[in-house]
Amino acid sequence: MIEHDTVELLRECDAGIQMGISAIDEVKDCAENVDFKSLLDNYQREYAQLQNEIQGVLHEYHDEGKDPNPVAKGMAWMKTNLNMAVNKSDATIADLITDGCNMGIKSLNKYLNQYGAADERAKDFTRRLIELQDRQLKEIRRFL
């Protein structure tokens, strides 16, 4: 049970990170404020670094990770492109990223509860990802 919950929790983190990296990638070139663009680049790098660590542990379990849910990814893509078509601004980008962080934090906390038998290393990765998204959420608010 411990190994199953550990792998599943890490897989959910991996999928969430992929969503975060993809979301930032879709909008960062539209950011007008240089500080905002730099902030988005920094968070994308932090996500990638955490993803590398998580994938290293998944590799130990002979698991390839998990792609994001295609429906969720498609819905996020549609929302992003629709909102950006209506109003291509830093405030729109900040709003989209804020929504994504809120959904990520909510989902990750759900997975922490769902996979309670996971080992402490997996739980630590999950908490680090939650903290990363929470910090991103707070820093981006000034661009709303």
N, C-alpha and C. Protein backbone atom coordinates (compact mmCIF):
# COMPACT_ATOMS: atom_id res chain seq x y z
N MET A 1 0.82 -1.20 0.00
CA MET A 1 0.00 0.00 0.00
C MET A 1 0.86 1.26 0.00
N ILE A 2 1.96 1.24 0.75
CA ILE A 2 2.84 2.42 0.82
C ILE A 2 3.40 2.73 -0.56
N GLU A 3 3.91 1.70 -1.23
CA GLU A 3 4.50 1.94 -2.55
C GLU A 3 3.45 2.45 -3.53
N HIS A 4 2.25 1.85 -3.53
CA HIS A 4 1.19 2.28 -4.44
C HIS A 4 0.83 3.74 -4.20
N ASP A 5 0.58 4.11 -2.96
CA ASP A 5 0.21 5.49 -2.64
C ASP A 5 1.35 6.45 -2.96
N THR A 6 2.58 6.03 -2.72
CA THR A 6 3.74 6.86 -3.02
C THR A 6 3.81 7.17 -4.51
N VAL A 7 3.71 6.13 -5.32
CA VAL A 7 3.78 6.30 -6.77
C VAL A 7 2.62 7.15 -7.27
N GLU A 8 1.43 6.88 -6.79
CA GLU A 8 0.26 7.64 -7.25
C GLU A 8 0.37 9.12 -6.87
N LEU A 9 0.83 9.41 -5.67
CA LEU A 9 0.99 10.79 -5.24
C LEU A 9 2.05 11.50 -6.09
N LEU A 10 3.16 10.83 -6.35
CA LEU A 10 4.20 11.42 -7.19
C LEU A 10 3.71 11.62 -8.62
N ARG A 11 2.90 10.71 -9.11
CA ARG A 11 2.36 10.84 -10.46
C ARG A 11 1.44 12.05 -10.57
N GLU A 12 0.65 12.28 -9.53
CA GLU A 12 -0.24 13.44 -9.53
C GLU A 12 0.57 14.74 -9.48
N CYS A 13 1.64 14.74 -8.72
CA CYS A 13 2.53 15.91 -8.69
C CYS A 13 3.13 16.15 -10.07
N ASP A 14 3.58 15.09 -10.71
CA ASP A 14 4.18 15.19 -12.04
C ASP A 14 3.18 15.78 -13.03
N ALA A 15 1.95 15.29 -13.02
CA ALA A 15 0.92 15.80 -13.93
C ALA A 15 0.61 17.27 -13.63
N GLY A 16 0.54 17.62 -12.35
CA GLY A 16 0.27 19.00 -11.98
C GLY A 16 1.37 19.95 -12.42
N ILE A 17 2.60 19.51 -12.28
CA ILE A 17 3.73 20.33 -12.71
C ILE A 17 3.69 20.53 -14.23
N GLN A 18 3.37 19.47 -14.95
CA GLN A 18 3.26 19.60 -16.41
C GLN A 18 2.21 20.64 -16.78
N MET A 19 1.09 20.65 -16.06
CA MET A 19 0.04 21.64 -16.31
C MET A 19 0.56 23.04 -16.03
N GLY A 20 1.30 23.20 -14.92
CA GLY A 20 1.83 24.51 -14.57
C GLY A 20 2.83 25.03 -15.59
N ILE A 21 3.74 24.16 -16.01
CA ILE A 21 4.74 24.55 -17.01
C ILE A 21 4.06 24.92 -18.32
N SER A 22 3.10 24.12 -18.72
CA SER A 22 2.38 24.37 -19.97
C SER A 22 1.60 25.68 -19.91
N ALA A 23 0.94 25.93 -18.79
CA ALA A 23 0.15 27.16 -18.63
C ALA A 23 1.05 28.39 -18.74
N ILE A 24 2.17 28.36 -18.07
CA ILE A 24 3.09 29.49 -18.12
C ILE A 24 3.63 29.66 -19.54
N ASP A 25 3.96 28.54 -20.17
CA ASP A 25 4.51 28.59 -21.52
C ASP A 25 3.53 29.24 -22.50
N GLU A 26 2.25 28.99 -22.32
CA GLU A 26 1.23 29.53 -23.22
C GLU A 26 1.08 31.04 -23.12
N VAL A 27 1.38 31.62 -21.96
CA VAL A 27 1.08 33.04 -21.76
C VAL A 27 2.29 33.94 -21.56
N LYS A 28 3.43 33.40 -21.22
CA LYS A 28 4.55 34.26 -20.80
C LYS A 28 5.04 35.19 -21.90
N ASP A 29 4.96 34.79 -23.15
CA ASP A 29 5.41 35.67 -24.23
C ASP A 29 4.46 36.85 -24.45
N CYS A 30 3.26 36.76 -23.91
CA CYS A 30 2.29 37.85 -24.01
C CYS A 30 2.43 38.86 -22.87
N ALA A 31 3.19 38.52 -21.86
CA ALA A 31 3.36 39.42 -20.72
C ALA A 31 4.10 40.68 -21.17
N GLU A 32 3.57 41.83 -20.78
CA GLU A 32 4.16 43.10 -21.17
C GLU A 32 5.17 43.60 -20.14
N ASN A 33 4.85 43.42 -18.87
CA ASN A 33 5.72 43.90 -17.80
C ASN A 33 6.94 42.98 -17.71
N VAL A 34 8.12 43.58 -17.78
CA VAL A 34 9.37 42.81 -17.76
C VAL A 34 9.51 42.03 -16.46
N ASP A 35 9.14 42.63 -15.33
CA ASP A 35 9.23 41.93 -14.04
C ASP A 35 8.28 40.74 -13.99
N PHE A 36 7.11 40.90 -14.58
CA PHE A 36 6.13 39.81 -14.60
C PHE A 36 6.65 38.66 -15.46
N LYS A 37 7.18 39.00 -16.61
CA LYS A 37 7.72 37.98 -17.51
C LYS A 37 8.86 37.22 -16.83
N SER A 38 9.72 37.94 -16.13
CA SER A 38 10.83 37.33 -15.41
C SER A 38 10.32 36.42 -14.30
N LEU A 39 9.29 36.86 -13.60
CA LEU A 39 8.68 36.06 -12.54
C LEU A 39 8.12 34.75 -13.11
N LEU A 40 7.45 34.84 -14.24
CA LEU A 40 6.90 33.64 -14.89
C LEU A 40 8.03 32.69 -15.31
N ASP A 41 9.10 33.24 -15.87
CA ASP A 41 10.25 32.41 -16.25
C ASP A 41 10.85 31.71 -15.04
N ASN A 42 10.99 32.44 -13.95
CA ASN A 42 11.55 31.86 -12.72
C ASN A 42 10.69 30.72 -12.20
N TYR A 43 9.37 30.91 -12.19
CA TYR A 43 8.49 29.84 -11.71
C TYR A 43 8.52 28.64 -12.64
N GLN A 44 8.61 28.89 -13.92
CA GLN A 44 8.70 27.76 -14.86
C GLN A 44 9.97 26.95 -14.59
N ARG A 45 11.07 27.61 -14.29
CA ARG A 45 12.31 26.90 -13.96
C ARG A 45 12.17 26.14 -12.65
N GLU A 46 11.52 26.75 -11.66
CA GLU A 46 11.34 26.06 -10.38
C GLU A 46 10.48 24.81 -10.54
N TYR A 47 9.42 24.92 -11.37
CA TYR A 47 8.59 23.74 -11.64
C TYR A 47 9.43 22.65 -12.31
N ALA A 48 10.23 23.03 -13.29
CA ALA A 48 11.04 22.05 -14.01
C ALA A 48 12.04 21.37 -13.08
N GLN A 49 12.64 22.13 -12.17
CA GLN A 49 13.59 21.55 -11.22
C GLN A 49 12.90 20.54 -10.30
N LEU A 50 11.74 20.91 -9.78
CA LEU A 50 11.00 20.00 -8.91
C LEU A 50 10.54 18.77 -9.69
N GLN A 51 10.14 18.98 -10.93
CA GLN A 51 9.73 17.85 -11.77
C GLN A 51 10.88 16.88 -11.98
N ASN A 52 12.08 17.39 -12.20
CA ASN A 52 13.24 16.50 -12.36
C ASN A 52 13.47 15.66 -11.11
N GLU A 53 13.33 16.26 -9.95
CA GLU A 53 13.50 15.52 -8.70
C GLU A 53 12.44 14.43 -8.56
N ILE A 54 11.20 14.79 -8.85
CA ILE A 54 10.09 13.83 -8.74
C ILE A 54 10.26 12.70 -9.74
N GLN A 55 10.62 13.03 -10.96
CA GLN A 55 10.81 11.99 -11.97
C GLN A 55 11.96 11.06 -11.61
N GLY A 56 12.96 11.58 -10.92
CA GLY A 56 14.05 10.73 -10.44
C GLY A 56 13.55 9.68 -9.46
N VAL A 57 12.67 10.09 -8.57
CA VAL A 57 12.10 9.13 -7.60
C VAL A 57 11.16 8.17 -8.32
N LEU A 58 10.35 8.67 -9.24
CA LEU A 58 9.47 7.78 -10.01
C LEU A 58 10.29 6.74 -10.76
N HIS A 59 11.42 7.15 -11.27
CA HIS A 59 12.30 6.21 -11.98
C HIS A 59 12.76 5.09 -11.04
N GLU A 60 13.02 5.42 -9.78
CA GLU A 60 13.39 4.40 -8.80
C GLU A 60 12.31 3.34 -8.66
N TYR A 61 11.05 3.77 -8.85
CA TYR A 61 9.91 2.85 -8.77
C TYR A 61 9.55 2.27 -10.15
N HIS A 62 10.39 2.53 -11.14
CA HIS A 62 10.17 2.05 -12.51
C HIS A 62 8.85 2.56 -13.06
N ASP A 63 8.58 3.85 -12.82
CA ASP A 63 7.35 4.48 -13.29
C ASP A 63 7.74 5.69 -14.14
N GLU A 64 6.99 5.92 -15.18
CA GLU A 64 7.29 7.01 -16.12
C GLU A 64 6.57 8.31 -15.78
N GLY A 65 5.78 8.33 -14.73
CA GLY A 65 5.03 9.54 -14.40
C GLY A 65 3.66 9.51 -15.03
N LYS A 66 3.03 10.66 -15.06
CA LYS A 66 1.66 10.73 -15.55
C LYS A 66 1.46 12.01 -16.34
N ASP A 67 0.84 11.88 -17.50
CA ASP A 67 0.46 13.06 -18.26
C ASP A 67 -0.81 13.65 -17.65
N PRO A 68 -0.98 14.95 -17.79
CA PRO A 68 -2.21 15.56 -17.28
C PRO A 68 -3.44 14.96 -17.97
N ASN A 69 -4.55 15.02 -17.29
CA ASN A 69 -5.82 14.58 -17.86
C ASN A 69 -6.07 15.37 -19.14
N PRO A 70 -6.29 14.69 -20.27
CA PRO A 70 -6.46 15.41 -21.54
C PRO A 70 -7.66 16.36 -21.54
N VAL A 71 -8.72 16.00 -20.84
CA VAL A 71 -9.89 16.88 -20.77
C VAL A 71 -9.54 18.14 -19.99
N ALA A 72 -8.88 17.98 -18.86
CA ALA A 72 -8.49 19.14 -18.06
C ALA A 72 -7.51 20.02 -18.83
N LYS A 73 -6.58 19.40 -19.52
CA LYS A 73 -5.60 20.16 -20.30
C LYS A 73 -6.29 20.91 -21.44
N GLY A 74 -7.22 20.25 -22.10
CA GLY A 74 -7.96 20.89 -23.19
C GLY A 74 -8.82 22.04 -22.70
N MET A 75 -9.47 21.85 -21.57
CA MET A 75 -10.30 22.92 -21.00
C MET A 75 -9.43 24.12 -20.60
N ALA A 76 -8.29 23.86 -20.01
CA ALA A 76 -7.38 24.94 -19.62
C ALA A 76 -6.89 25.69 -20.86
N TRP A 77 -6.56 24.95 -21.91
CA TRP A 77 -6.11 25.57 -23.15
C TRP A 77 -7.20 26.46 -23.74
N MET A 78 -8.43 25.96 -23.75
CA MET A 78 -9.56 26.73 -24.29
C MET A 78 -9.79 28.00 -23.47
N LYS A 79 -9.78 27.86 -22.15
CA LYS A 79 -10.01 29.02 -21.28
C LYS A 79 -8.91 30.07 -21.49
N THR A 80 -7.68 29.61 -21.55
CA THR A 80 -6.56 30.53 -21.75
C THR A 80 -6.69 31.27 -23.07
N ASN A 81 -6.92 30.54 -24.14
CA ASN A 81 -6.98 31.17 -25.46
C ASN A 81 -8.20 32.08 -25.62
N LEU A 82 -9.32 31.70 -25.04
CA LEU A 82 -10.51 32.55 -25.10
C LEU A 82 -10.27 33.85 -24.33
N ASN A 83 -9.78 33.73 -23.12
CA ASN A 83 -9.54 34.93 -22.30
C ASN A 83 -8.48 35.83 -22.92
N MET A 84 -7.44 35.24 -23.47
CA MET A 84 -6.38 36.04 -24.08
C MET A 84 -6.87 36.70 -25.38
N ALA A 85 -7.78 36.06 -26.10
CA ALA A 85 -8.33 36.67 -27.30
C ALA A 85 -9.19 37.88 -26.96
N VAL A 86 -9.91 37.80 -25.84
CA VAL A 86 -10.77 38.90 -25.42
C VAL A 86 -9.97 40.05 -24.83
N ASN A 87 -8.95 39.73 -24.02
CA ASN A 87 -8.18 40.77 -23.34
C ASN A 87 -6.77 40.28 -23.08
N LYS A 88 -5.87 40.60 -24.00
CA LYS A 88 -4.48 40.17 -23.87
C LYS A 88 -3.74 41.19 -23.01
N SER A 89 -3.73 40.93 -21.69
CA SER A 89 -3.08 41.86 -20.76
C SER A 89 -2.41 41.08 -19.64
N ASP A 90 -1.55 41.77 -18.91
CA ASP A 90 -0.90 41.15 -17.76
C ASP A 90 -1.93 40.74 -16.71
N ALA A 91 -2.98 41.55 -16.57
CA ALA A 91 -4.03 41.22 -15.59
C ALA A 91 -4.74 39.93 -15.97
N THR A 92 -4.98 39.72 -17.25
CA THR A 92 -5.62 38.47 -17.71
C THR A 92 -4.70 37.28 -17.45
N ILE A 93 -3.42 37.46 -17.76
CA ILE A 93 -2.45 36.38 -17.52
C ILE A 93 -2.41 36.06 -16.03
N ALA A 94 -2.32 37.08 -15.19
CA ALA A 94 -2.27 36.88 -13.74
C ALA A 94 -3.53 36.17 -13.25
N ASP A 95 -4.67 36.53 -13.81
CA ASP A 95 -5.93 35.90 -13.43
C ASP A 95 -5.93 34.41 -13.80
N LEU A 96 -5.47 34.09 -14.98
CA LEU A 96 -5.41 32.69 -15.42
C LEU A 96 -4.45 31.87 -14.57
N ILE A 97 -3.27 32.42 -14.30
CA ILE A 97 -2.28 31.71 -13.50
C ILE A 97 -2.78 31.55 -12.06
N THR A 98 -3.43 32.58 -11.54
CA THR A 98 -3.99 32.51 -10.19
C THR A 98 -5.02 31.39 -10.09
N ASP A 99 -5.91 31.31 -11.08
CA ASP A 99 -6.90 30.23 -11.09
C ASP A 99 -6.23 28.86 -11.13
N GLY A 100 -5.19 28.73 -11.95
CA GLY A 100 -4.48 27.47 -12.04
C GLY A 100 -3.81 27.08 -10.73
N CYS A 101 -3.20 28.05 -10.07
CA CYS A 101 -2.56 27.78 -8.78
C CYS A 101 -3.59 27.34 -7.74
N ASN A 102 -4.72 28.03 -7.72
CA ASN A 102 -5.78 27.66 -6.76
C ASN A 102 -6.27 26.23 -7.00
N MET A 103 -6.47 25.88 -8.26
CA MET A 103 -6.91 24.52 -8.58
C MET A 103 -5.83 23.50 -8.21
N GLY A 104 -4.58 23.85 -8.48
CA GLY A 104 -3.48 22.95 -8.15
C GLY A 104 -3.36 22.70 -6.66
N ILE A 105 -3.44 23.76 -5.88
CA ILE A 105 -3.35 23.65 -4.43
C ILE A 105 -4.49 22.78 -3.89
N LYS A 106 -5.68 23.02 -4.39
CA LYS A 106 -6.84 22.23 -3.96
C LYS A 106 -6.66 20.75 -4.30
N SER A 107 -6.26 20.48 -5.53
CA SER A 107 -6.08 19.09 -5.97
C SER A 107 -4.98 18.39 -5.19
N LEU A 108 -3.86 19.07 -5.01
CA LEU A 108 -2.74 18.45 -4.30
C LEU A 108 -3.08 18.13 -2.85
N ASN A 109 -3.83 19.00 -2.21
CA ASN A 109 -4.26 18.70 -0.84
C ASN A 109 -5.21 17.51 -0.81
N LYS A 110 -6.06 17.41 -1.82
CA LYS A 110 -6.95 16.25 -1.93
C LYS A 110 -6.13 14.97 -2.09
N TYR A 111 -5.10 15.02 -2.95
CA TYR A 111 -4.27 13.84 -3.17
C TYR A 111 -3.45 13.48 -1.93
N LEU A 112 -3.02 14.47 -1.17
CA LEU A 112 -2.32 14.17 0.09
C LEU A 112 -3.21 13.36 1.01
N ASN A 113 -4.49 13.70 1.06
CA ASN A 113 -5.44 12.95 1.89
C ASN A 113 -5.76 11.58 1.28
N GLN A 114 -5.93 11.56 -0.03
CA GLN A 114 -6.30 10.32 -0.71
C GLN A 114 -5.20 9.27 -0.64
N TYR A 115 -3.96 9.71 -0.74
CA TYR A 115 -2.82 8.79 -0.72
C TYR A 115 -2.04 8.95 0.58
N GLY A 116 -2.77 8.84 1.67
CA GLY A 116 -2.20 9.04 3.00
C GLY A 116 -1.12 8.05 3.39
N ALA A 117 -1.07 6.89 2.74
CA ALA A 117 -0.06 5.89 3.08
C ALA A 117 1.26 6.12 2.32
N ALA A 118 1.30 7.18 1.51
CA ALA A 118 2.54 7.47 0.76
C ALA A 118 3.68 7.74 1.73
N ASP A 119 4.90 7.49 1.27
CA ASP A 119 6.05 7.73 2.14
C ASP A 119 6.28 9.24 2.32
N GLU A 120 7.08 9.56 3.29
CA GLU A 120 7.30 10.98 3.64
C GLU A 120 7.98 11.75 2.52
N ARG A 121 8.80 11.09 1.75
CA ARG A 121 9.48 11.78 0.64
C ARG A 121 8.45 12.26 -0.38
N ALA A 122 7.47 11.43 -0.72
CA ALA A 122 6.43 11.82 -1.67
C ALA A 122 5.56 12.94 -1.09
N LYS A 123 5.24 12.81 0.19
CA LYS A 123 4.45 13.87 0.83
C LYS A 123 5.22 15.18 0.86
N ASP A 124 6.53 15.10 1.08
CA ASP A 124 7.35 16.30 1.09
C ASP A 124 7.36 16.97 -0.29
N PHE A 125 7.50 16.19 -1.35
CA PHE A 125 7.44 16.76 -2.70
C PHE A 125 6.10 17.46 -2.92
N THR A 126 5.03 16.83 -2.47
CA THR A 126 3.70 17.40 -2.65
C THR A 126 3.59 18.71 -1.88
N ARG A 127 4.06 18.74 -0.67
CA ARG A 127 4.02 19.97 0.13
C ARG A 127 4.88 21.06 -0.50
N ARG A 128 6.01 20.69 -1.04
CA ARG A 128 6.87 21.67 -1.73
C ARG A 128 6.17 22.26 -2.94
N LEU A 129 5.46 21.42 -3.68
CA LEU A 129 4.72 21.90 -4.84
C LEU A 129 3.58 22.82 -4.41
N ILE A 130 2.89 22.47 -3.34
CA ILE A 130 1.83 23.32 -2.81
C ILE A 130 2.42 24.68 -2.40
N GLU A 131 3.54 24.65 -1.70
CA GLU A 131 4.19 25.90 -1.27
C GLU A 131 4.63 26.73 -2.46
N LEU A 132 5.14 26.08 -3.50
CA LEU A 132 5.56 26.78 -4.71
C LEU A 132 4.36 27.48 -5.35
N GLN A 133 3.25 26.77 -5.47
CA GLN A 133 2.07 27.37 -6.08
C GLN A 133 1.49 28.48 -5.20
N ASP A 134 1.53 28.29 -3.89
CA ASP A 134 1.04 29.33 -2.98
C ASP A 134 1.90 30.59 -3.08
N ARG A 135 3.19 30.42 -3.16
CA ARG A 135 4.09 31.56 -3.29
C ARG A 135 3.86 32.26 -4.62
N GLN A 136 3.70 31.48 -5.68
CA GLN A 136 3.44 32.05 -7.00
C GLN A 136 2.14 32.85 -6.98
N LEU A 137 1.13 32.28 -6.37
CA LEU A 137 -0.17 32.93 -6.25
C LEU A 137 -0.04 34.29 -5.58
N LYS A 138 0.69 34.34 -4.49
CA LYS A 138 0.86 35.60 -3.75
C LYS A 138 1.66 36.62 -4.54
N GLU A 139 2.72 36.18 -5.22
CA GLU A 139 3.56 37.12 -5.96
C GLU A 139 2.87 37.67 -7.20
N ILE A 140 1.99 36.90 -7.78
CA ILE A 140 1.34 37.32 -9.02
C ILE A 140 0.15 38.25 -8.76
N ARG A 141 -0.37 38.26 -7.56
CA ARG A 141 -1.54 39.10 -7.24
C ARG A 141 -1.34 40.57 -7.62
N ARG A 142 -0.11 41.04 -7.52
CA ARG A 142 0.12 42.46 -7.82
C ARG A 142 -0.09 42.79 -9.30
N PHE A 143 -0.19 41.78 -10.14
CA PHE A 143 -0.42 42.01 -11.56
C PHE A 143 -1.89 41.86 -11.96
N LEU A 144 -2.75 41.54 -11.00
CA LEU A 144 -4.18 41.39 -11.30
C LEU A 144 -4.80 42.73 -11.66
